[in-house]
Amino acid sequence: MPKRPRVLVVDDDPGIRETMGDILALEGFSVEVAPDGEQAVALCGKQAFDFALLDIRMPGMDGVETLEAMKAVLPDLRVVMITGFEAGDLARRAMEAGAEAVFRKPLDVASFLPLLMVPARADD
């Protein structure tokens, strides 16, 4: 039986964080959640993730700083950024730092779910 992809959902909004975590778990993904960049980076240091759904604007480390720190720990991590605001420069910086896409909130799960359909890590 193939391993389920591991997804990290990082958002300072508890409603979005928990809702996305629940939806992804129902879709068969192994999901962890983090309320901020610092905790997300710490989780990446403890376990491998295949994919991260990452808010661009958060208190403390913003999403781009978090993306860069997570990629330093997990270089193969695939990341999609999400934002409830006009992200402009942050969205451009996120793409330059390795994000695959930037989606606006409220999220349409059907729009980003296909990006998550990748093989699980073989080394877990």
C-alpha atoms as a PDB file:
ATOM      1  CA  MET A   1       0.000   0.000   0.000  1.00  0.00           C
ATOM      2  CA  PRO A   2       1.570   3.358  -0.991  1.00  0.00           C
ATOM      3  CA  LYS A   3       2.316   5.887   1.718  1.00  0.00           C
ATOM      4  CA  ARG A   4       0.061   8.887   1.894  1.00  0.00           C
ATOM      5  CA  PRO A   5       1.716  12.206   1.012  1.00  0.00           C
ATOM      6  CA  ARG A   6       2.503  14.328   4.062  1.00  0.00           C
ATOM      7  CA  VAL A   7       1.150  17.865   3.991  1.00  0.00           C
ATOM      8  CA  LEU A   8       1.918  20.769   6.313  1.00  0.00           C
ATOM      9  CA  VAL A   9      -0.744  23.501   6.532  1.00  0.00           C
ATOM     10  CA  VAL A  10       0.601  26.792   7.893  1.00  0.00           C
ATOM     11  CA  ASP A  11      -1.822  29.645   8.570  1.00  0.00           C
ATOM     12  CA  ASP A  12      -2.274  32.060  11.457  1.00  0.00           C
ATOM     13  CA  ASP A  13      -6.067  31.870  11.038  1.00  0.00           C
ATOM     14  CA  PRO A  14      -7.190  28.868  13.132  1.00  0.00           C
ATOM     15  CA  GLY A  15     -10.387  28.429  11.105  1.00  0.00           C
ATOM     16  CA  ILE A  16      -8.548  28.145   7.802  1.00  0.00           C
ATOM     17  CA  ARG A  17      -5.800  26.009   9.312  1.00  0.00           C
ATOM     18  CA  GLU A  18      -8.196  23.492  10.811  1.00  0.00           C
ATOM     19  CA  THR A  19     -10.615  23.463   7.868  1.00  0.00           C
ATOM     20  CA  MET A  20      -7.831  22.860   5.344  1.00  0.00           C
ATOM     21  CA  GLY A  21      -6.317  20.201   7.595  1.00  0.00           C
ATOM     22  CA  ASP A  22      -9.671  18.433   7.857  1.00  0.00           C
ATOM     23  CA  ILE A  23     -10.354  18.604   4.112  1.00  0.00           C
ATOM     24  CA  LEU A  24      -6.912  17.271   3.222  1.00  0.00           C
ATOM     25  CA  ALA A  25      -7.197  14.478   5.797  1.00  0.00           C
ATOM     26  CA  LEU A  26     -10.543  13.475   4.281  1.00  0.00           C
ATOM     27  CA  GLU A  27      -8.821  13.407   0.871  1.00  0.00           C
ATOM     28  CA  GLY A  28      -6.368  10.833   2.251  1.00  0.00           C
ATOM     29  CA  PHE A  29      -3.367  12.998   3.081  1.00  0.00           C
ATOM     30  CA  SER A  30      -1.366  12.770   6.277  1.00  0.00           C
ATOM     31  CA  VAL A  31      -1.670  16.322   7.654  1.00  0.00           C
ATOM     32  CA  GLU A  32       0.068  18.428  10.283  1.00  0.00           C
ATOM     33  CA  VAL A  33      -0.813  22.049  11.012  1.00  0.00           C
ATOM     34  CA  ALA A  34       1.190  24.992  12.317  1.00  0.00           C
ATOM     35  CA  PRO A  35      -0.025  28.457  13.359  1.00  0.00           C
ATOM     36  CA  ASP A  36       3.115  30.328  12.308  1.00  0.00           C
ATOM     37  CA  GLY A  37       6.398  30.145  10.462  1.00  0.00           C
ATOM     38  CA  GLU A  38       8.509  29.348  13.486  1.00  0.00           C
ATOM     39  CA  GLN A  39       6.479  26.248  14.342  1.00  0.00           C
ATOM     40  CA  ALA A  40       6.356  25.202  10.685  1.00  0.00           C
ATOM     41  CA  VAL A  41      10.149  25.295  10.392  1.00  0.00           C
ATOM     42  CA  ALA A  42      10.472  23.368  13.669  1.00  0.00           C
ATOM     43  CA  LEU A  43       8.106  20.672  12.350  1.00  0.00           C
ATOM     44  CA  CYS A  44      10.148  20.431   9.134  1.00  0.00           C
ATOM     45  CA  GLY A  45      13.210  19.752  11.272  1.00  0.00           C
ATOM     46  CA  LYS A  46      11.457  16.830  12.990  1.00  0.00           C
ATOM     47  CA  GLN A  47       9.718  15.129  10.060  1.00  0.00           C
ATOM     48  CA  ALA A  48       9.666  15.130   6.288  1.00  0.00           C
ATOM     49  CA  PHE A  49       6.770  16.631   4.357  1.00  0.00           C
ATOM     50  CA  ASP A  50       5.968  16.270   0.681  1.00  0.00           C
ATOM     51  CA  PHE A  51       3.944  19.444   0.395  1.00  0.00           C
ATOM     52  CA  ALA A  52       3.173  22.644   2.302  1.00  0.00           C
ATOM     53  CA  LEU A  53       0.183  24.939   2.023  1.00  0.00           C
ATOM     54  CA  LEU A  54       1.561  28.206   3.371  1.00  0.00           C
ATOM     55  CA  ASP A  55      -0.072  31.551   4.169  1.00  0.00           C
ATOM     56  CA  ILE A  56       1.890  34.504   2.762  1.00  0.00           C
ATOM     57  CA  ARG A  57       1.016  37.051   5.463  1.00  0.00           C
ATOM     58  CA  MET A  58       1.558  35.943   9.039  1.00  0.00           C
ATOM     59  CA  PRO A  59       2.828  37.656  12.177  1.00  0.00           C
ATOM     60  CA  GLY A  60       6.502  37.052  12.898  1.00  0.00           C
ATOM     61  CA  MET A  61       8.040  35.249   9.950  1.00  0.00           C
ATOM     62  CA  ASP A  62       6.067  36.015   6.821  1.00  0.00           C
ATOM     63  CA  GLY A  63       5.301  33.269   4.340  1.00  0.00           C
ATOM     64  CA  VAL A  64       8.309  33.958   2.116  1.00  0.00           C
ATOM     65  CA  GLU A  65      10.724  33.838   5.048  1.00  0.00           C
ATOM     66  CA  THR A  66       9.036  30.631   6.198  1.00  0.00           C
ATOM     67  CA  LEU A  67       9.245  29.151   2.699  1.00  0.00           C
ATOM     68  CA  GLU A  68      12.978  29.886   2.504  1.00  0.00           C
ATOM     69  CA  ALA A  69      13.629  28.403   5.959  1.00  0.00           C
ATOM     70  CA  MET A  70      11.567  25.274   5.233  1.00  0.00           C
ATOM     71  CA  LYS A  71      13.332  24.755   1.881  1.00  0.00           C
ATOM     72  CA  ALA A  72      16.693  25.026   3.667  1.00  0.00           C
ATOM     73  CA  VAL A  73      15.641  22.035   5.803  1.00  0.00           C
ATOM     74  CA  LEU A  74      13.621  20.145   3.153  1.00  0.00           C
ATOM     75  CA  PRO A  75      14.932  21.183  -0.297  1.00  0.00           C
ATOM     76  CA  ASP A  76      12.440  18.955  -2.171  1.00  0.00           C
ATOM     77  CA  LEU A  77       9.403  20.338  -0.323  1.00  0.00           C
ATOM     78  CA  ARG A  78       6.693  21.445  -2.734  1.00  0.00           C
ATOM     79  CA  VAL A  79       4.909  24.630  -1.624  1.00  0.00           C
ATOM     80  CA  VAL A  80       1.733  26.457  -2.586  1.00  0.00           C
ATOM     81  CA  MET A  81       1.195  29.880  -1.054  1.00  0.00           C
ATOM     82  CA  ILE A  82      -2.226  31.209  -0.035  1.00  0.00           C
ATOM     83  CA  THR A  83      -3.291  34.763   0.693  1.00  0.00           C
ATOM     84  CA  GLY A  84      -6.369  36.702   1.656  1.00  0.00           C
ATOM     85  CA  PHE A  85      -4.786  39.976   0.539  1.00  0.00           C
ATOM     86  CA  GLU A  86      -3.289  41.463  -2.581  1.00  0.00           C
ATOM     87  CA  ALA A  87       0.150  39.928  -2.217  1.00  0.00           C
ATOM     88  CA  GLY A  88       1.986  41.675  -5.066  1.00  0.00           C
ATOM     89  CA  ASP A  89       5.672  41.772  -4.116  1.00  0.00           C
ATOM     90  CA  LEU A  90       5.334  38.930  -1.584  1.00  0.00           C
ATOM     91  CA  ALA A  91       3.756  36.689  -4.228  1.00  0.00           C
ATOM     92  CA  ARG A  92       6.564  37.472  -6.679  1.00  0.00           C
ATOM     93  CA  ARG A  93       9.178  36.790  -3.992  1.00  0.00           C
ATOM     94  CA  ALA A  94       7.432  33.521  -3.069  1.00  0.00           C
ATOM     95  CA  MET A  95       7.562  32.304  -6.667  1.00  0.00           C
ATOM     96  CA  GLU A  96      11.247  33.273  -6.907  1.00  0.00           C
ATOM     97  CA  ALA A  97      11.901  31.344  -3.658  1.00  0.00           C
ATOM     98  CA  GLY A  98      10.383  28.167  -5.078  1.00  0.00           C
ATOM     99  CA  ALA A  99       6.615  28.294  -4.526  1.00  0.00           C
ATOM    100  CA  GLU A 100       4.684  26.487  -7.247  1.00  0.00           C
ATOM    101  CA  ALA A 101       1.650  28.767  -7.141  1.00  0.00           C
ATOM    102  CA  VAL A 102      -0.139  31.477  -5.175  1.00  0.00           C
ATOM    103  CA  PHE A 103      -3.870  31.086  -4.529  1.00  0.00           C
ATOM    104  CA  ARG A 104      -6.319  33.616  -3.116  1.00  0.00           C
ATOM    105  CA  LYS A 105      -8.518  32.918  -0.104  1.00  0.00           C
ATOM    106  CA  PRO A 106     -11.166  31.708   0.201  1.00  0.00           C
ATOM    107  CA  LEU A 107      -9.564  28.639  -1.267  1.00  0.00           C
ATOM    108  CA  ASP A 108     -11.263  26.573  -3.895  1.00  0.00           C
ATOM    109  CA  VAL A 109      -9.955  23.139  -2.935  1.00  0.00           C
ATOM    110  CA  ALA A 110     -10.508  21.816  -6.457  1.00  0.00           C
ATOM    111  CA  SER A 111      -8.101  24.439  -7.815  1.00  0.00           C
ATOM    112  CA  PHE A 112      -5.051  23.346  -5.838  1.00  0.00           C
ATOM    113  CA  LEU A 113      -5.805  19.705  -4.974  1.00  0.00           C
ATOM    114  CA  PRO A 114      -4.354  18.414  -8.279  1.00  0.00           C
ATOM    115  CA  LEU A 115      -0.980  19.928  -7.302  1.00  0.00           C
ATOM    116  CA  LEU A 116      -0.924  17.706  -4.226  1.00  0.00           C
ATOM    117  CA  MET A 117      -1.405  14.487  -6.192  1.00  0.00           C
ATOM    118  CA  VAL A 118       2.250  13.475  -6.210  1.00  0.00           C
ATOM    119  CA  PRO A 119       3.956  10.262  -5.146  1.00  0.00           C
ATOM    120  CA  ALA A 120       4.815   9.979  -1.467  1.00  0.00           C
ATOM    121  CA  ARG A 121       8.431  10.209  -0.335  1.00  0.00           C
ATOM    122  CA  ALA A 122      10.152   6.843  -0.608  1.00  0.00           C
ATOM    123  CA  ASP A 123      12.461   7.474   2.351  1.00  0.00           C
ATOM    124  CA  ASP A 124       9.775   7.800   5.048  1.00  0.00           C
END
